[in-house]
N, C-alpha and C. Protein backbone atom coordinates (compact mmCIF):
# COMPACT_ATOMS: atom_id res chain seq x y z
N MET A 1 16.89 11.28 -6.69
CA MET A 1 16.77 10.08 -6.07
C MET A 1 15.09 9.94 -5.58
N LEU A 2 14.68 8.60 -5.66
CA LEU A 2 13.53 8.78 -5.48
C LEU A 2 12.70 8.57 -4.07
N ARG A 3 12.01 9.90 -3.22
CA ARG A 3 11.95 9.89 -1.80
C ARG A 3 10.61 9.80 -1.46
N VAL A 4 10.69 8.41 -0.85
CA VAL A 4 9.21 7.46 -1.31
C VAL A 4 8.67 8.46 0.52
N GLY A 5 7.00 8.59 0.62
CA GLY A 5 6.30 8.92 2.46
C GLY A 5 6.21 7.54 1.40
N VAL A 6 5.66 6.20 2.93
CA VAL A 6 4.86 5.38 3.13
C VAL A 6 3.77 5.22 4.43
N LEU A 7 2.16 5.23 4.21
CA LEU A 7 1.05 4.90 4.45
C LEU A 7 0.95 3.64 5.34
N VAL A 8 0.79 3.93 6.68
CA VAL A 8 0.16 2.43 7.29
C VAL A 8 -0.89 2.26 8.58
N SER A 9 -1.58 1.05 8.17
CA SER A 9 -1.91 1.15 9.30
C SER A 9 -2.42 -0.62 9.94
N GLY A 10 -1.49 -1.35 10.07
CA GLY A 10 -1.85 -2.04 11.18
C GLY A 10 0.14 -2.59 11.17
N GLY A 11 0.32 -3.89 10.73
CA GLY A 11 1.52 -4.91 10.46
C GLY A 11 2.49 -4.28 10.06
N GLY A 12 2.83 -3.80 8.47
CA GLY A 12 3.61 -3.23 8.43
C GLY A 12 4.72 -4.44 7.57
N THR A 13 4.07 -5.54 7.00
CA THR A 13 4.44 -6.83 6.05
C THR A 13 5.03 -6.20 5.19
N ASN A 14 4.24 -4.97 4.28
CA ASN A 14 4.19 -4.69 2.82
C ASN A 14 5.81 -3.79 3.12
N LEU A 15 5.55 -2.63 3.76
CA LEU A 15 7.00 -1.84 4.63
C LEU A 15 7.90 -2.22 4.51
N GLN A 16 7.77 -3.70 5.72
CA GLN A 16 8.64 -4.23 5.50
C GLN A 16 9.62 -5.10 3.59
N ALA A 17 8.60 -5.60 2.96
CA ALA A 17 9.00 -5.87 2.03
C ALA A 17 9.78 -4.46 1.27
N ILE A 18 9.27 -3.22 0.79
CA ILE A 18 10.11 -2.07 0.51
C ILE A 18 11.31 -2.28 1.08
N ILE A 19 11.75 -1.77 1.87
CA ILE A 19 12.85 -1.79 3.30
C ILE A 19 13.61 -2.78 2.82
N ASP A 20 13.12 -3.74 2.86
CA ASP A 20 14.12 -4.97 2.08
C ASP A 20 14.66 -4.89 1.73
N ALA A 21 13.94 -4.59 0.55
CA ALA A 21 13.91 -3.97 -1.19
C ALA A 21 15.26 -3.07 -1.14
N ILE A 22 15.17 -2.89 -0.52
CA ILE A 22 16.03 -0.80 -0.95
C ILE A 22 17.34 -1.70 0.15
N GLU A 23 17.24 -2.41 0.92
CA GLU A 23 18.34 -2.64 1.63
C GLU A 23 19.49 -3.79 1.22
N SER A 24 18.82 -4.12 0.26
CA SER A 24 19.08 -5.52 -0.53
C SER A 24 20.14 -5.29 -1.95
N GLY A 25 19.56 -3.62 -2.27
CA GLY A 25 19.15 -3.15 -3.69
C GLY A 25 18.48 -3.50 -5.03
N LYS A 26 17.32 -4.56 -4.64
CA LYS A 26 16.09 -4.60 -5.45
C LYS A 26 16.08 -3.71 -5.37
N ILE A 27 15.84 -2.40 -5.13
CA ILE A 27 15.34 -1.25 -5.07
C ILE A 27 16.14 0.02 -5.17
N THR A 28 16.75 0.45 -6.60
CA THR A 28 17.94 1.74 -6.01
C THR A 28 16.84 2.72 -6.40
N ASN A 29 17.89 4.28 -6.52
CA ASN A 29 17.52 5.04 -6.84
C ASN A 29 16.38 6.08 -6.07
N ALA A 30 15.68 4.91 -4.24
CA ALA A 30 14.68 5.09 -3.57
C ALA A 30 15.02 5.48 -2.57
N GLU A 31 14.65 6.55 -1.47
CA GLU A 31 14.70 6.64 -0.33
C GLU A 31 13.35 6.47 0.97
N ILE A 32 12.84 5.88 1.47
CA ILE A 32 12.51 5.91 2.16
C ILE A 32 11.88 7.18 3.48
N VAL A 33 11.59 8.00 2.83
CA VAL A 33 11.64 9.71 3.89
C VAL A 33 10.92 9.44 5.10
N THR A 34 9.92 9.12 5.46
CA THR A 34 9.03 8.54 6.37
C THR A 34 8.12 7.92 6.63
N VAL A 35 7.16 6.98 7.97
CA VAL A 35 6.32 6.19 7.31
C VAL A 35 5.18 6.94 8.62
N ALA A 36 4.57 7.48 8.31
CA ALA A 36 3.28 7.94 8.72
C ALA A 36 2.14 6.35 8.55
N ALA A 37 1.45 6.12 9.81
CA ALA A 37 0.20 5.31 10.08
C ALA A 37 -0.56 5.88 10.75
N SER A 38 -1.75 5.34 10.04
CA SER A 38 -3.52 6.50 10.59
C SER A 38 -4.01 5.75 11.64
N LYS A 39 -3.17 5.10 12.82
CA LYS A 39 -3.02 5.13 14.08
C LYS A 39 -2.16 4.81 14.54
N ALA A 40 -1.85 5.04 15.53
CA ALA A 40 -0.85 5.41 16.81
C ALA A 40 -0.86 3.51 17.39
N GLY A 41 0.40 3.60 18.46
CA GLY A 41 0.97 1.90 18.35
C GLY A 41 0.36 0.91 17.49
N VAL A 42 0.78 1.26 16.06
CA VAL A 42 0.60 0.29 15.07
C VAL A 42 2.49 -0.53 14.92
N TYR A 43 2.72 -2.22 14.81
CA TYR A 43 3.38 -2.54 14.73
C TYR A 43 4.23 -1.57 13.30
N ALA A 44 3.88 -1.09 12.25
CA ALA A 44 4.65 -1.04 10.50
C ALA A 44 5.72 0.56 11.52
N LEU A 45 5.02 0.97 12.54
CA LEU A 45 6.12 2.22 12.95
C LEU A 45 7.29 1.56 13.86
N GLU A 46 7.20 0.47 15.01
CA GLU A 46 8.09 -0.12 15.32
C GLU A 46 9.38 -0.75 14.66
N ARG A 47 9.11 -0.62 12.55
CA ARG A 47 9.83 -1.76 11.73
C ARG A 47 10.27 -0.32 11.53
N ALA A 48 9.72 0.84 11.01
CA ALA A 48 10.53 2.11 10.35
C ALA A 48 11.79 2.44 11.52
N GLU A 49 10.96 2.56 12.70
CA GLU A 49 11.76 2.90 13.78
C GLU A 49 13.33 2.31 13.80
N LYS A 50 12.74 0.68 13.61
CA LYS A 50 14.25 -0.06 13.24
C LYS A 50 15.34 -0.34 12.71
N HIS A 51 15.17 0.15 11.38
CA HIS A 51 15.28 0.58 10.29
C HIS A 51 16.04 1.91 10.52
N GLY A 52 15.72 3.16 11.00
CA GLY A 52 15.62 4.75 11.27
C GLY A 52 14.82 5.73 10.83
N ILE A 53 13.87 6.03 9.74
CA ILE A 53 12.55 6.19 9.43
C ILE A 53 12.26 6.73 10.80
N PRO A 54 12.41 8.21 10.19
CA PRO A 54 11.13 9.19 10.48
C PRO A 54 9.72 8.54 10.47
N THR A 55 9.01 8.45 11.47
CA THR A 55 7.51 8.54 11.94
C THR A 55 6.85 9.52 12.41
N ALA A 56 5.78 9.32 11.83
CA ALA A 56 5.09 9.95 12.59
C ALA A 56 3.22 8.99 12.38
N VAL A 57 1.99 9.90 13.59
CA VAL A 57 0.92 9.53 13.64
C VAL A 57 0.27 10.26 12.97
N ILE A 58 -0.61 10.32 11.96
CA ILE A 58 -1.77 11.28 11.52
C ILE A 58 -3.08 10.23 11.39
N SER A 59 -3.36 10.10 12.40
CA SER A 59 -5.06 9.95 12.64
C SER A 59 -6.51 10.04 12.35
N ARG A 60 -6.79 8.96 12.08
CA ARG A 60 -8.06 9.80 11.34
C ARG A 60 -9.52 10.54 11.93
N ARG A 61 -9.01 9.89 13.27
CA ARG A 61 -9.59 10.66 14.20
C ARG A 61 -9.64 11.77 14.64
N ASP A 62 -8.72 11.83 14.82
CA ASP A 62 -8.32 13.71 14.79
C ASP A 62 -8.93 14.76 13.91
N PHE A 63 -9.72 13.94 12.96
CA PHE A 63 -10.53 14.53 11.49
C PHE A 63 -11.62 14.63 11.64
N GLU A 64 -12.71 15.74 11.06
CA GLU A 64 -13.98 15.92 11.31
C GLU A 64 -14.22 15.35 10.29
N SER A 65 -13.29 14.98 9.35
CA SER A 65 -13.44 14.02 7.46
C SER A 65 -12.27 13.49 6.98
N PRO A 66 -12.98 12.63 5.85
CA PRO A 66 -12.14 12.68 5.23
C PRO A 66 -11.20 13.32 4.95
N GLU A 67 -11.75 14.28 3.64
CA GLU A 67 -11.30 15.48 3.18
C GLU A 67 -10.05 16.06 4.16
N LYS A 68 -10.84 16.07 5.14
CA LYS A 68 -9.57 16.61 6.26
C LYS A 68 -8.52 16.24 6.79
N HIS A 69 -8.55 14.83 6.98
CA HIS A 69 -7.53 13.49 6.97
C HIS A 69 -6.86 13.98 6.29
N SER A 70 -6.97 13.65 4.77
CA SER A 70 -6.11 13.34 3.12
C SER A 70 -5.31 14.30 3.64
N ASP A 71 -6.04 15.87 4.02
CA ASP A 71 -5.59 17.48 3.80
C ASP A 71 -4.05 17.27 4.30
N ALA A 72 -4.32 16.95 5.46
CA ALA A 72 -3.33 16.69 6.67
C ALA A 72 -1.57 15.62 6.14
N ILE A 73 -2.60 14.23 5.12
CA ILE A 73 -1.70 13.94 5.26
C ILE A 73 -0.46 13.71 3.53
N CYS A 74 -1.84 15.23 3.12
CA CYS A 74 -0.89 15.63 1.80
C CYS A 74 -0.23 16.89 2.25
N GLU A 75 -0.44 17.62 3.00
CA GLU A 75 0.88 18.44 4.33
C GLU A 75 1.56 17.97 4.20
N TYR A 76 1.70 16.91 5.53
CA TYR A 76 2.80 16.49 5.40
C TYR A 76 3.77 15.80 4.78
N MET A 77 3.02 15.23 3.54
CA MET A 77 3.65 14.71 2.44
C MET A 77 4.45 16.08 1.37
N ARG A 78 4.35 16.89 1.20
CA ARG A 78 4.42 18.14 1.17
C ARG A 78 5.97 18.76 1.45
N GLU A 79 5.80 18.42 2.94
CA GLU A 79 6.97 19.24 4.22
C GLU A 79 8.02 18.36 3.96
N LYS A 80 7.87 17.23 4.03
CA LYS A 80 8.66 15.59 3.88
C LYS A 80 9.32 16.35 1.85
N GLY A 81 8.52 16.77 1.88
CA GLY A 81 9.71 16.79 0.39
C GLY A 81 9.20 15.11 -0.41
N VAL A 82 8.23 14.45 -0.04
CA VAL A 82 7.44 13.23 -0.88
C VAL A 82 8.18 13.34 -1.71
N ASP A 83 7.92 12.61 -3.18
CA ASP A 83 7.94 12.14 -4.32
C ASP A 83 6.57 11.31 -5.45
N LEU A 84 6.77 9.67 -3.95
CA LEU A 84 5.94 9.10 -4.59
C LEU A 84 5.17 8.62 -2.92
N ILE A 85 4.04 8.60 -2.96
CA ILE A 85 3.51 8.45 -1.87
C ILE A 85 3.00 6.79 -1.94
N VAL A 86 3.71 5.76 -1.26
CA VAL A 86 2.55 4.51 -0.71
C VAL A 86 1.58 3.87 0.42
N LEU A 87 0.66 3.82 -0.74
CA LEU A 87 -0.37 3.13 0.33
C LEU A 87 0.01 1.52 0.92
N ALA A 88 0.45 1.27 1.83
CA ALA A 88 0.85 -0.32 1.96
C ALA A 88 0.24 -0.51 3.32
N GLY A 89 -0.16 -1.52 2.93
CA GLY A 89 -1.81 -1.99 3.90
C GLY A 89 -2.55 -0.45 4.45
N PHE A 90 -2.68 0.27 4.49
CA PHE A 90 -3.26 1.33 4.44
C PHE A 90 -4.68 2.01 4.58
N LEU A 91 -5.81 1.58 5.20
CA LEU A 91 -6.72 1.63 5.18
C LEU A 91 -7.71 2.37 5.53
N SER A 92 -7.81 4.10 5.77
CA SER A 92 -8.11 5.61 4.60
C SER A 92 -8.10 5.39 3.28
N ILE A 93 -8.86 6.34 2.89
CA ILE A 93 -9.26 6.44 1.59
C ILE A 93 -8.87 7.76 1.87
N LEU A 94 -8.37 7.91 0.21
CA LEU A 94 -7.31 9.47 0.50
C LEU A 94 -8.61 10.04 -0.74
N CYS A 95 -8.64 11.22 -0.05
CA CYS A 95 -9.66 12.09 -1.52
C CYS A 95 -9.55 13.31 -1.11
N GLY A 96 -9.34 14.00 -1.87
CA GLY A 96 -9.57 15.42 -2.02
C GLY A 96 -8.35 16.19 -2.94
N LYS A 97 -7.18 16.82 -2.39
CA LYS A 97 -7.08 17.38 -3.19
C LYS A 97 -5.35 17.08 -3.11
N ILE A 98 -5.45 16.28 -2.37
CA ILE A 98 -3.98 14.95 -2.46
C ILE A 98 -4.26 13.97 -4.13
N LEU A 99 -5.49 14.04 -4.35
CA LEU A 99 -4.83 13.31 -4.91
C LEU A 99 -4.90 14.22 -7.00
N GLU A 100 -5.60 15.40 -6.60
CA GLU A 100 -4.75 16.29 -7.60
C GLU A 100 -3.23 16.82 -7.27
N GLU A 101 -2.78 17.13 -5.99
CA GLU A 101 -1.08 17.73 -6.02
C GLU A 101 -0.19 16.31 -6.67
N TYR A 102 -0.90 15.00 -5.74
CA TYR A 102 -0.27 13.53 -6.04
C TYR A 102 -0.41 13.03 -7.34
N ASP A 103 -1.05 12.82 -8.42
CA ASP A 103 -1.55 13.05 -9.61
C ASP A 103 -0.90 11.64 -10.46
N HIS A 104 -0.32 10.57 -10.02
CA HIS A 104 0.36 9.36 -10.84
C HIS A 104 1.57 9.59 -9.44
N LYS A 105 1.86 10.07 -8.97
CA LYS A 105 2.52 9.78 -7.75
C LYS A 105 1.84 9.35 -6.49
N ILE A 106 1.09 8.50 -6.33
CA ILE A 106 0.30 7.63 -5.38
C ILE A 106 0.27 6.45 -5.70
N ILE A 107 0.62 5.19 -4.86
CA ILE A 107 0.52 3.78 -5.50
C ILE A 107 -0.04 2.98 -4.18
N ASN A 108 -0.87 1.50 -4.65
CA ASN A 108 -1.85 0.76 -3.30
C ASN A 108 -1.15 -0.42 -3.88
N VAL A 109 -1.15 -1.10 -3.13
CA VAL A 109 -1.05 -2.44 -3.14
C VAL A 109 -3.11 -3.10 -2.57
N HIS A 110 -2.85 -4.11 -3.37
CA HIS A 110 -4.59 -4.78 -2.93
C HIS A 110 -4.60 -6.08 -2.95
N PRO A 111 -4.75 -6.43 -2.14
CA PRO A 111 -4.97 -8.39 -2.47
C PRO A 111 -6.04 -8.69 -3.56
N SER A 112 -5.98 -8.76 -4.84
CA SER A 112 -6.68 -9.25 -5.33
C SER A 112 -6.47 -8.70 -7.15
N LEU A 113 -7.00 -9.39 -7.57
CA LEU A 113 -6.24 -9.53 -9.38
C LEU A 113 -7.24 -8.19 -9.99
N ILE A 114 -7.27 -7.33 -9.93
CA ILE A 114 -7.86 -6.67 -10.01
C ILE A 114 -8.53 -6.34 -11.89
N PRO A 115 -10.04 -6.65 -11.76
CA PRO A 115 -11.51 -5.68 -11.06
C PRO A 115 -11.77 -6.35 -10.65
N SER A 116 -11.15 -7.50 -9.75
CA SER A 116 -12.20 -8.78 -8.70
C SER A 116 -11.98 -8.40 -8.05
N PHE A 117 -13.32 -8.95 -6.92
CA PHE A 117 -13.32 -8.26 -5.60
C PHE A 117 -11.94 -7.23 -4.87
N CYS A 118 -12.73 -5.83 -5.60
CA CYS A 118 -11.67 -4.58 -4.93
C CYS A 118 -12.82 -3.31 -5.43
N GLY A 119 -12.47 -2.83 -5.19
CA GLY A 119 -14.17 -1.10 -4.45
C GLY A 119 -14.25 -1.05 -3.20
N ASP A 120 -15.06 -0.39 -3.00
CA ASP A 120 -15.56 -0.25 -1.49
C ASP A 120 -15.91 -1.62 -0.44
N GLY A 121 -15.45 -1.53 0.27
CA GLY A 121 -15.93 -2.64 1.22
C GLY A 121 -14.33 -3.45 1.17
N PHE A 122 -14.27 -3.75 -0.19
CA PHE A 122 -13.02 -4.37 -0.19
C PHE A 122 -11.93 -4.69 0.01
N TYR A 123 -11.30 -5.01 1.55
CA TYR A 123 -10.06 -4.58 2.33
C TYR A 123 -9.76 -5.79 2.99
N GLY A 124 -8.32 -6.04 3.73
CA GLY A 124 -8.33 -7.18 4.48
C GLY A 124 -8.89 -8.47 3.76
N LEU A 125 -9.27 -8.88 5.33
CA LEU A 125 -9.65 -10.90 5.46
C LEU A 125 -10.90 -10.50 3.87
N LYS A 126 -11.49 -9.69 3.67
CA LYS A 126 -12.80 -9.06 3.31
C LYS A 126 -12.58 -10.28 2.39
N VAL A 127 -11.66 -9.10 1.54
CA VAL A 127 -10.88 -9.99 -0.06
C VAL A 127 -10.95 -11.34 -0.24
N HIS A 128 -10.22 -11.76 0.46
CA HIS A 128 -10.39 -13.44 0.59
C HIS A 128 -11.08 -13.90 0.79
N GLU A 129 -12.28 -13.63 1.11
CA GLU A 129 -13.11 -14.40 2.09
C GLU A 129 -14.41 -14.40 0.27
N ALA A 130 -14.38 -13.09 0.03
CA ALA A 130 -14.54 -12.90 -1.11
C ALA A 130 -14.68 -14.14 -1.89
N ALA A 131 -13.43 -13.69 -2.42
CA ALA A 131 -12.56 -15.60 -3.16
C ALA A 131 -13.16 -16.53 -3.09
N LEU A 132 -12.93 -16.76 -2.11
CA LEU A 132 -13.23 -17.97 -2.18
C LEU A 132 -14.22 -18.59 -1.72
N ALA A 133 -15.38 -17.50 -1.91
CA ALA A 133 -16.76 -17.91 -1.13
C ALA A 133 -16.85 -17.68 -2.79
N ARG A 134 -16.54 -17.28 -3.57
CA ARG A 134 -16.78 -17.32 -5.20
C ARG A 134 -16.36 -18.40 -5.79
N GLY A 135 -15.97 -19.26 -5.44
CA GLY A 135 -14.81 -20.67 -5.98
C GLY A 135 -13.42 -20.41 -6.55
N VAL A 136 -12.97 -18.62 -6.99
CA VAL A 136 -12.12 -19.02 -8.36
C VAL A 136 -10.65 -19.66 -7.60
N LYS A 137 -10.10 -20.21 -8.26
CA LYS A 137 -9.05 -20.72 -8.82
C LYS A 137 -7.43 -20.34 -8.66
N VAL A 138 -8.01 -19.36 -9.31
CA VAL A 138 -6.48 -18.47 -9.26
C VAL A 138 -6.90 -16.51 -8.96
N THR A 139 -5.82 -16.81 -7.75
CA THR A 139 -6.10 -14.75 -7.27
C THR A 139 -4.92 -14.04 -7.41
N GLY A 140 -4.89 -12.92 -6.60
CA GLY A 140 -3.27 -12.49 -6.85
C GLY A 140 -3.84 -11.11 -5.88
N ALA A 141 -2.40 -9.97 -6.27
CA ALA A 141 -2.21 -8.80 -5.95
C ALA A 141 -2.12 -7.98 -7.01
N THR A 142 -2.52 -6.69 -6.80
CA THR A 142 -2.25 -5.79 -7.79
C THR A 142 -1.71 -4.64 -7.14
N VAL A 143 -0.89 -3.85 -7.78
CA VAL A 143 0.17 -2.95 -7.78
C VAL A 143 -0.39 -1.76 -8.24
N HIS A 144 -1.03 -0.66 -8.01
CA HIS A 144 -1.87 0.73 -9.47
C HIS A 144 -1.69 1.75 -8.48
N TYR A 145 -2.15 3.01 -10.03
CA TYR A 145 -2.78 4.52 -8.65
C TYR A 145 -4.15 4.73 -8.14
N VAL A 146 -3.37 5.04 -7.13
CA VAL A 146 -4.94 5.90 -6.36
C VAL A 146 -5.10 6.86 -7.35
N ASN A 147 -6.24 6.77 -7.50
CA ASN A 147 -7.34 7.91 -7.99
C ASN A 147 -8.56 7.72 -7.36
N SER A 148 -9.33 8.71 -7.69
CA SER A 148 -10.69 9.22 -6.77
C SER A 148 -11.81 7.38 -6.52
N ILE A 149 -11.88 6.75 -8.05
CA ILE A 149 -12.04 5.55 -7.07
C ILE A 149 -11.38 4.24 -6.43
N THR A 150 -12.88 4.12 -5.33
CA THR A 150 -11.68 3.58 -5.21
C THR A 150 -11.47 1.52 -5.89
N ASP A 151 -9.42 1.80 -5.55
CA ASP A 151 -8.27 0.46 -7.03
C ASP A 151 -8.96 0.74 -7.76
N GLY A 152 -10.12 2.45 -8.36
CA GLY A 152 -10.44 2.25 -9.77
C GLY A 152 -9.12 2.95 -10.27
N GLY A 153 -7.66 3.11 -10.14
CA GLY A 153 -6.78 3.35 -10.92
C GLY A 153 -6.01 3.07 -11.80
N GLU A 154 -5.04 3.33 -12.89
CA GLU A 154 -3.84 2.54 -14.03
C GLU A 154 -3.36 1.21 -13.00
N ILE A 155 -2.92 0.24 -13.32
CA ILE A 155 -2.77 -1.08 -13.25
C ILE A 155 -1.54 -0.14 -14.03
N ILE A 156 -0.35 -0.41 -12.61
CA ILE A 156 1.28 -1.25 -12.71
C ILE A 156 1.49 -2.27 -12.97
N ALA A 157 0.94 -2.63 -12.08
CA ALA A 157 1.53 -4.18 -11.69
C ALA A 157 0.92 -5.43 -11.60
N GLN A 158 1.27 -7.02 -11.98
CA GLN A 158 -0.32 -7.68 -11.44
C GLN A 158 0.31 -9.28 -10.98
N LYS A 159 0.38 -9.98 -10.06
CA LYS A 159 0.71 -11.07 -9.75
C LYS A 159 0.35 -11.93 -9.49
N ALA A 160 -0.34 -13.21 -10.29
CA ALA A 160 -1.16 -14.04 -9.86
C ALA A 160 -0.37 -15.02 -8.84
N VAL A 161 -1.73 -15.89 -7.87
CA VAL A 161 -1.22 -16.77 -6.98
C VAL A 161 -2.07 -17.64 -7.27
N GLU A 162 -2.52 -19.43 -6.38
CA GLU A 162 -2.98 -20.93 -6.85
C GLU A 162 -4.41 -19.98 -5.62
N VAL A 163 -5.03 -20.85 -5.69
CA VAL A 163 -6.36 -20.70 -4.49
C VAL A 163 -6.53 -22.40 -4.13
N LEU A 164 -6.10 -23.43 -3.41
CA LEU A 164 -5.81 -24.09 -3.07
C LEU A 164 -6.51 -24.89 -2.47
N ASP A 165 -6.82 -25.88 -2.54
CA ASP A 165 -8.18 -26.74 -1.98
C ASP A 165 -7.80 -26.99 -0.21
N GLY A 166 -8.58 -26.33 0.55
CA GLY A 166 -9.10 -26.14 2.12
C GLY A 166 -8.46 -24.75 2.77
N ASP A 167 -7.87 -24.21 1.72
CA ASP A 167 -7.11 -22.41 1.96
C ASP A 167 -8.47 -22.40 3.07
N THR A 168 -8.27 -20.94 3.71
CA THR A 168 -8.96 -20.26 4.58
C THR A 168 -8.57 -18.88 3.90
N PRO A 169 -9.29 -17.73 4.25
CA PRO A 169 -9.16 -16.88 4.49
C PRO A 169 -7.73 -16.39 4.45
N GLU A 170 -7.34 -17.02 5.83
CA GLU A 170 -5.89 -16.39 6.27
C GLU A 170 -4.59 -17.17 5.32
N THR A 171 -5.08 -18.99 4.97
CA THR A 171 -3.66 -19.11 4.26
C THR A 171 -3.91 -18.76 2.92
N LEU A 172 -4.64 -18.71 2.52
CA LEU A 172 -4.90 -17.02 1.20
C LEU A 172 -4.02 -15.60 1.57
N GLN A 173 -4.63 -15.54 2.57
CA GLN A 173 -4.15 -13.91 2.99
C GLN A 173 -2.66 -14.40 2.72
N LYS A 174 -2.32 -15.29 3.65
CA LYS A 174 -0.36 -14.79 3.78
C LYS A 174 0.35 -15.44 2.12
N ARG A 175 -0.41 -16.35 1.01
CA ARG A 175 0.02 -16.96 0.05
C ARG A 175 -0.01 -15.73 -0.88
N VAL A 176 -0.62 -14.97 -1.00
CA VAL A 176 -0.54 -13.73 -1.53
C VAL A 176 -0.13 -12.97 -1.09
N MET A 177 0.17 -12.20 0.06
CA MET A 177 1.08 -11.76 0.90
C MET A 177 2.66 -12.06 0.05
N GLU A 178 2.60 -13.41 0.32
CA GLU A 178 4.18 -13.99 0.20
C GLU A 178 4.38 -14.06 -1.05
N GLN A 179 3.61 -14.13 -1.72
CA GLN A 179 4.34 -14.89 -3.17
C GLN A 179 3.73 -14.04 -4.08
N ALA A 180 3.02 -12.82 -4.35
CA ALA A 180 2.70 -12.08 -4.95
C ALA A 180 2.61 -10.75 -5.01
N GLU A 181 1.82 -9.51 -3.12
CA GLU A 181 2.13 -8.70 -2.66
C GLU A 181 3.84 -8.17 -2.35
N TRP A 182 4.30 -8.74 -2.15
CA TRP A 182 5.62 -8.41 -1.82
C TRP A 182 6.55 -8.17 -2.26
N ILE A 183 6.21 -9.20 -3.49
CA ILE A 183 7.23 -8.96 -5.10
C ILE A 183 7.16 -7.85 -5.85
N ILE A 184 5.89 -7.35 -6.08
CA ILE A 184 5.35 -6.51 -6.53
C ILE A 184 5.33 -4.63 -7.26
N LEU A 185 5.10 -5.61 -5.07
CA LEU A 185 4.96 -3.65 -4.24
C LEU A 185 6.42 -3.58 -4.71
N PRO A 186 7.31 -3.74 -4.21
CA PRO A 186 8.86 -3.04 -4.72
C PRO A 186 9.15 -3.34 -5.70
N ALA A 187 8.86 -4.04 -6.63
CA ALA A 187 8.89 -3.87 -8.46
C ALA A 187 8.24 -2.73 -8.23
N ALA A 188 7.15 -2.25 -8.21
CA ALA A 188 6.93 -1.54 -9.26
C ALA A 188 7.40 -0.01 -8.19
N VAL A 189 8.25 0.14 -7.27
CA VAL A 189 7.98 1.06 -6.62
C VAL A 189 10.15 2.12 -7.04
N ASN A 190 10.93 -0.01 -7.68
CA ASN A 190 11.86 -0.43 -7.96
C ASN A 190 11.94 1.09 -9.76
N LYS A 191 10.61 0.53 -11.18
CA LYS A 191 10.33 1.00 -12.02
C LYS A 191 9.72 2.24 -12.05
N ILE A 192 9.20 2.29 -11.34
CA ILE A 192 8.68 3.90 -11.06
C ILE A 192 10.32 4.97 -10.38
N ALA A 193 11.42 4.78 -9.26
CA ALA A 193 12.95 5.70 -9.51
C ALA A 193 13.70 5.09 -10.16
N ASN A 194 13.08 4.59 -11.72
CA ASN A 194 13.73 4.34 -12.40
C ASN A 194 13.41 4.80 -13.90
N SER A 195 12.58 5.14 -13.57
CA SER A 195 11.66 5.44 -14.83
C SER A 195 11.87 7.09 -15.49
N LYS A 196 12.60 7.68 -14.48
CA LYS A 196 13.36 9.32 -14.97
C LYS A 196 13.88 9.18 -15.96
């Protein structure tokens, strides 16, 4: 059984997609053993608690550097016996020893077709604003392994989503989540859980 730790920073819709896929049997051989948030009070923690998943807050503000924050996350995940770390709308950048200890064991979902609209500064609505400003007709989402380059790790899965006339960053974000992120992130977890 693959022991999954999920890192969150907000509402937790991608977390919910994974929970639903596990509960419906779309993901097999995996369980979420913890959900850790980068700040207190985010709705993702409530989602986890409703499903009996242990939670923690490892706040970026409590550490003097991104490295120390990443080290604390690494220690916590090690203590929980986590095999795979999933970044589900996690807005802090991981660095240092966690990337070595969990090499090819951390995945992220990004709301574009990498290599478009990715890297430092591209997160949340900013990705969709950039896609609309560029005038692309197709966007989507990518699940990739996390390494030391922001959005630079090996790609696991991608799914395209059409950009429609009249789209706003908000409508495009919603469609990318519903038609891509919520599908390929659980599928990637299932693929990893069943690839041993």
